[in-house]
Amino acid sequence: MIVCLMTAAANLVVGGLVGLCGVAGFLLPMFYTAGLGMNVSEGLALSFAAFIVSGALGSWNYKKAGNLDLAFGLRLSAGSLAGAILGVVLNLVIPEEQVKMLLYLVVLLSGISILLRKDSKRGTQFGAAKFSIEKNLPMTLLLGFLTGAVCSMSGAGGPVLVMPLLVVFGISIRTAVGVALFNSIFIGIPAVAGYLVQCDMKKILPVLLAALAAHAVGVYYGSKNAERINQGILKKGVAVFSIVIAGCRLTGIM
């Protein structure tokens, strides 16, 4: 019961942050493995199940607002689906302690990237002027494959990795967020399936249900209030928190 309540609280908070600013999902795997002491398969199964929920709710809202390029998102997600399967396989053959270190490293780098990234309404001049990834199917599939593999293997939320890369290739920031949220559904499906088979379903099912319900509520109400807060300050707060926690785990302080 205590684990379910802690899981619900964490997913409510993280879901709210995802709804508010589009990032923070990458904190969930660390909460499960470092905070609750779960093994990697349990932590990633619960995390990716939540990513599917936030991806579905978030991308639906972005689609209604006209900020989701569905055709491009489907092409990118086709590559991510295959990459996610490979990522799960690699995760299961790599020693668990090494996977945890990879997870903390990804969280650390994600936090640093959030601090350094400057959001803009338009993509970079490089992407906009010289290269259009939406029109290049092989490059789109390759990008989806590589990011899908890294995300499913490490537990990183798709948007925190995919979104800045899309912006580099000239995609506007709002469209990049919408596509990244949509893409996280296709990373999450094979990841959840692959990690759940490694778990004790009787043990994890109540925790899973609590996580999904709380995460959905958090994402819904977070997205409803996204315009009322300074997203730049919130993102920086999430970034600093993730850097401190991941740094402590990597150095053995915690």
Protein backbone atom coordinates (compact mmCIF):
# COMPACT_ATOMS: atom_id res chain seq x y z
CA MET A 1 0.00 0.00 0.00
CA ILE A 2 2.82 2.43 0.89
CA VAL A 3 4.59 1.68 -2.40
CA CYS A 4 1.34 2.33 -4.32
CA LEU A 5 0.82 5.65 -2.54
CA MET A 6 4.41 6.77 -3.13
CA THR A 7 4.15 5.72 -6.77
CA ALA A 8 0.89 7.62 -7.20
CA ALA A 9 2.37 10.75 -5.62
CA ALA A 10 5.50 10.61 -7.80
CA ASN A 11 3.48 10.08 -10.98
CA LEU A 12 1.09 12.88 -10.08
CA VAL A 13 4.00 15.30 -9.67
CA VAL A 14 5.99 14.11 -12.69
CA GLY A 15 2.85 13.91 -14.82
CA GLY A 16 2.02 17.47 -13.84
CA LEU A 17 5.51 18.62 -14.82
CA VAL A 18 5.25 16.81 -18.15
CA GLY A 19 1.91 18.49 -18.79
CA LEU A 20 3.30 21.88 -17.81
CA CYS A 21 6.59 21.92 -19.68
CA GLY A 22 6.94 18.68 -21.67
CA VAL A 23 9.94 17.32 -19.73
CA ALA A 24 10.58 15.46 -16.45
CA GLY A 25 9.44 11.97 -17.46
CA PHE A 26 13.06 10.81 -17.31
CA LEU A 27 12.90 11.21 -13.50
CA LEU A 28 10.49 8.28 -13.10
CA PRO A 29 12.96 5.41 -13.75
CA MET A 30 15.33 6.90 -11.19
CA PHE A 31 12.51 7.22 -8.65
CA TYR A 32 11.66 3.53 -9.02
CA THR A 33 15.21 2.18 -8.99
CA ALA A 34 16.90 4.57 -6.57
CA GLY A 35 13.92 5.70 -4.51
CA LEU A 36 11.93 2.49 -4.16
CA GLY A 37 14.76 0.00 -4.76
CA MET A 38 13.02 -1.79 -7.62
CA ASN A 39 15.01 -3.73 -10.18
CA VAL A 40 15.58 -2.16 -13.58
CA SER A 41 12.91 -4.17 -15.41
CA GLU A 42 10.20 -3.18 -12.91
CA GLY A 43 11.23 0.47 -12.94
CA LEU A 44 11.34 0.71 -16.72
CA ALA A 45 8.07 -1.18 -17.21
CA LEU A 46 6.26 1.26 -14.92
CA SER A 47 7.98 4.29 -16.43
CA PHE A 48 7.28 3.45 -20.06
CA ALA A 49 3.65 2.65 -19.26
CA ALA A 50 3.37 6.20 -17.91
CA PHE A 51 5.16 7.56 -21.00
CA ILE A 52 2.50 5.97 -23.20
CA VAL A 53 -0.21 7.76 -21.22
CA SER A 54 1.51 11.15 -21.30
CA GLY A 55 2.40 10.67 -24.96
CA ALA A 56 -1.19 9.89 -25.92
CA LEU A 57 -2.74 12.74 -23.91
CA GLY A 58 -0.06 15.25 -24.85
CA SER A 59 0.06 14.51 -28.57
CA TRP A 60 -3.75 14.60 -28.76
CA ASN A 61 -3.74 18.12 -27.31
CA TYR A 62 -0.96 19.19 -29.67
CA LYS A 63 -2.87 17.72 -32.60
CA LYS A 64 -5.99 19.70 -31.68
CA ALA A 65 -3.87 22.84 -31.50
CA GLY A 66 -2.41 22.15 -34.96
CA ASN A 67 1.10 21.46 -33.64
CA LEU A 68 1.50 17.80 -34.62
CA ASP A 69 2.79 16.76 -38.04
CA LEU A 70 1.14 13.33 -37.99
CA ALA A 71 2.63 12.05 -41.26
CA PHE A 72 6.17 12.89 -40.16
CA GLY A 73 5.46 11.55 -36.67
CA LEU A 74 4.37 8.19 -38.09
CA ARG A 75 7.52 7.87 -40.21
CA LEU A 76 9.75 8.77 -37.27
CA SER A 77 7.85 6.37 -35.02
CA ALA A 78 8.26 3.49 -37.47
CA GLY A 79 12.00 3.73 -36.90
CA SER A 80 11.55 4.18 -33.16
CA LEU A 81 9.41 1.06 -32.89
CA ALA A 82 12.22 -1.08 -34.30
CA GLY A 83 14.86 0.76 -32.29
CA ALA A 84 12.91 0.32 -29.05
CA ILE A 85 12.83 -3.45 -29.54
CA LEU A 86 16.61 -3.48 -29.93
CA GLY A 87 16.99 -1.26 -26.87
CA VAL A 88 15.01 -3.67 -24.70
CA VAL A 89 17.11 -6.61 -25.88
CA LEU A 90 20.34 -4.73 -25.13
CA ASN A 91 19.07 -3.73 -21.70
CA LEU A 92 18.31 -7.33 -20.77
CA VAL A 93 21.79 -8.59 -21.71
CA ILE A 94 23.73 -5.78 -20.02
CA PRO A 95 24.39 -6.20 -16.26
CA GLU A 96 21.81 -4.38 -14.14
CA GLU A 97 24.33 -2.16 -12.32
CA GLN A 98 25.69 -0.91 -15.65
CA VAL A 99 22.14 -0.17 -16.84
CA LYS A 100 21.52 1.85 -13.67
CA MET A 101 24.68 3.84 -14.26
CA LEU A 102 23.56 4.45 -17.85
CA LEU A 103 20.17 5.58 -16.56
CA TYR A 104 21.73 8.07 -14.12
CA LEU A 105 24.09 9.32 -16.82
CA VAL A 106 21.20 9.90 -19.23
CA VAL A 107 19.30 11.78 -16.50
CA LEU A 108 22.38 13.89 -15.80
CA LEU A 109 22.92 14.72 -19.47
CA SER A 110 19.19 15.40 -19.91
CA GLY A 111 19.29 17.91 -17.09
CA ILE A 112 22.35 19.61 -18.54
CA SER A 113 20.76 19.75 -22.01
CA ILE A 114 17.64 21.42 -20.57
CA LEU A 115 19.78 24.07 -18.87
CA LEU A 116 21.79 24.77 -22.02
CA ARG A 117 18.98 24.59 -24.56
CA LYS A 118 17.37 27.82 -25.67
CA ASP A 119 13.83 27.34 -26.95
CA SER A 120 12.80 29.26 -30.02
CA LYS A 121 9.70 29.33 -32.18
CA ARG A 122 11.68 28.44 -35.29
CA GLY A 123 14.27 25.75 -35.88
CA THR A 124 17.94 26.46 -36.33
CA GLN A 125 19.20 28.13 -39.47
CA PHE A 126 21.12 24.97 -40.29
CA GLY A 127 18.01 22.83 -40.25
CA ALA A 128 15.69 25.33 -41.89
CA ALA A 129 17.95 26.39 -44.73
CA LYS A 130 20.01 23.38 -45.73
CA PHE A 131 18.15 20.26 -44.71
CA SER A 132 14.54 19.19 -44.28
CA ILE A 133 14.31 15.96 -42.34
CA GLU A 134 10.56 15.70 -42.97
CA LYS A 135 11.30 15.05 -46.66
CA ASN A 136 14.12 12.57 -46.09
CA LEU A 137 12.65 9.17 -45.25
CA PRO A 138 15.94 7.27 -44.65
CA MET A 139 17.21 9.97 -42.27
CA THR A 140 13.86 10.08 -40.47
CA LEU A 141 13.83 6.32 -39.98
CA LEU A 142 17.47 6.33 -38.82
CA LEU A 143 16.84 9.10 -36.31
CA GLY A 144 13.80 7.27 -34.99
CA PHE A 145 15.69 3.99 -34.75
CA LEU A 146 18.66 5.43 -32.85
CA THR A 147 16.62 7.52 -30.42
CA GLY A 148 14.18 4.66 -29.86
CA ALA A 149 17.04 2.31 -28.98
CA VAL A 150 18.68 4.75 -26.58
CA CYS A 151 15.41 5.68 -24.88
CA SER A 152 14.12 2.14 -24.40
CA MET A 153 17.48 0.88 -23.18
CA SER A 154 18.11 3.69 -20.68
CA GLY A 155 14.62 4.70 -19.59
CA ALA A 156 14.90 8.25 -20.91
CA GLY A 157 11.60 9.85 -21.77
CA GLY A 158 11.37 10.29 -25.54
CA PRO A 159 10.70 14.06 -25.64
CA VAL A 160 13.80 15.04 -23.68
CA LEU A 161 16.00 13.39 -26.32
CA VAL A 162 13.93 13.62 -29.51
CA MET A 163 12.61 17.18 -29.14
CA PRO A 164 15.97 19.03 -29.16
CA LEU A 165 17.22 16.91 -32.06
CA LEU A 166 14.15 17.80 -34.12
CA VAL A 167 14.70 21.48 -33.37
CA VAL A 168 18.30 21.16 -34.59
CA PHE A 169 16.92 19.79 -37.87
CA GLY A 170 14.71 22.84 -38.32
CA ILE A 171 11.40 21.72 -36.80
CA SER A 172 9.57 24.47 -34.90
CA ILE A 173 9.63 23.99 -31.13
CA ARG A 174 5.88 23.37 -30.71
CA THR A 175 5.75 20.86 -33.56
CA ALA A 176 8.89 19.19 -32.20
CA VAL A 177 7.23 18.73 -28.79
CA GLY A 178 4.06 17.35 -30.38
CA VAL A 179 5.96 14.88 -32.59
CA ALA A 180 8.20 13.83 -29.68
CA LEU A 181 5.19 13.12 -27.45
CA PHE A 182 3.53 11.12 -30.23
CA ASN A 183 6.78 9.26 -30.85
CA SER A 184 7.07 8.29 -27.16
CA ILE A 185 3.97 6.11 -27.54
CA PHE A 186 5.76 3.91 -30.08
CA ILE A 187 8.89 3.74 -27.96
CA GLY A 188 6.81 2.86 -24.92
CA ILE A 189 4.75 0.00 -26.38
CA PRO A 190 7.61 -2.47 -27.10
CA ALA A 191 9.45 -1.27 -23.99
CA VAL A 192 6.49 -2.02 -21.70
CA ALA A 193 5.92 -5.39 -23.35
CA GLY A 194 9.60 -6.34 -23.11
CA TYR A 195 10.08 -5.31 -19.49
CA LEU A 196 6.76 -6.52 -18.11
CA VAL A 197 7.53 -10.12 -19.06
CA GLN A 198 10.51 -9.88 -16.69
CA CYS A 199 8.29 -8.79 -13.78
CA ASP A 200 6.06 -10.54 -11.27
CA MET A 201 2.66 -9.39 -12.54
CA LYS A 202 0.84 -10.09 -9.26
CA LYS A 203 3.31 -7.85 -7.47
CA ILE A 204 3.52 -5.05 -10.01
CA LEU A 205 -0.11 -4.80 -11.22
CA PRO A 206 -1.48 -2.69 -8.30
CA VAL A 207 1.53 -0.37 -8.57
CA LEU A 208 1.05 -0.11 -12.34
CA LEU A 209 -2.63 0.84 -12.01
CA ALA A 210 -1.84 3.48 -9.38
CA ALA A 211 0.94 4.89 -11.55
CA LEU A 212 -1.19 5.14 -14.70
CA ALA A 213 -4.17 6.76 -12.96
CA ALA A 214 -2.05 9.35 -11.12
CA HIS A 215 0.11 10.10 -14.17
CA ALA A 216 -2.95 10.70 -16.35
CA VAL A 217 -4.41 13.12 -13.78
CA GLY A 218 -1.09 14.95 -13.48
CA VAL A 219 -0.62 15.32 -17.24
CA TYR A 220 -4.22 16.46 -17.74
CA TYR A 221 -4.18 19.18 -15.11
CA GLY A 222 -0.61 20.18 -15.90
CA SER A 223 -1.47 20.76 -19.55
CA LYS A 224 -4.54 22.76 -18.50
CA ASN A 225 -2.37 25.19 -16.54
CA ALA A 226 0.68 25.32 -18.81
CA GLU A 227 0.02 28.90 -19.86
CA ARG A 228 -0.15 30.18 -16.27
CA ILE A 229 3.47 29.55 -15.28
CA ASN A 230 6.92 30.55 -16.43
CA GLN A 231 7.99 27.38 -18.24
CA GLY A 232 11.60 28.52 -18.49
CA ILE A 233 11.96 28.71 -14.72
CA LEU A 234 10.16 25.39 -14.24
CA LYS A 235 12.37 23.61 -16.78
CA LYS A 236 15.49 24.96 -15.11
CA GLY A 237 14.23 23.76 -11.74
CA VAL A 238 13.63 20.26 -13.11
CA ALA A 239 17.07 20.32 -14.74
CA VAL A 240 18.91 21.35 -11.55
CA PHE A 241 17.05 18.74 -9.51
CA SER A 242 17.88 15.98 -11.98
CA ILE A 243 21.55 17.00 -12.20
CA VAL A 244 21.95 16.99 -8.41
CA ILE A 245 20.22 13.62 -7.89
CA ALA A 246 21.90 11.86 -10.83
CA GLY A 247 25.28 13.30 -9.86
CA CYS A 248 24.88 12.01 -6.31
CA ARG A 249 23.95 8.54 -7.56
CA LEU A 250 26.86 8.40 -10.00
CA THR A 251 29.37 9.48 -7.38
CA GLY A 252 27.95 7.20 -4.67
CA ILE A 253 26.91 10.03 -2.34
CA MET A 254 23.36 8.67 -2.25
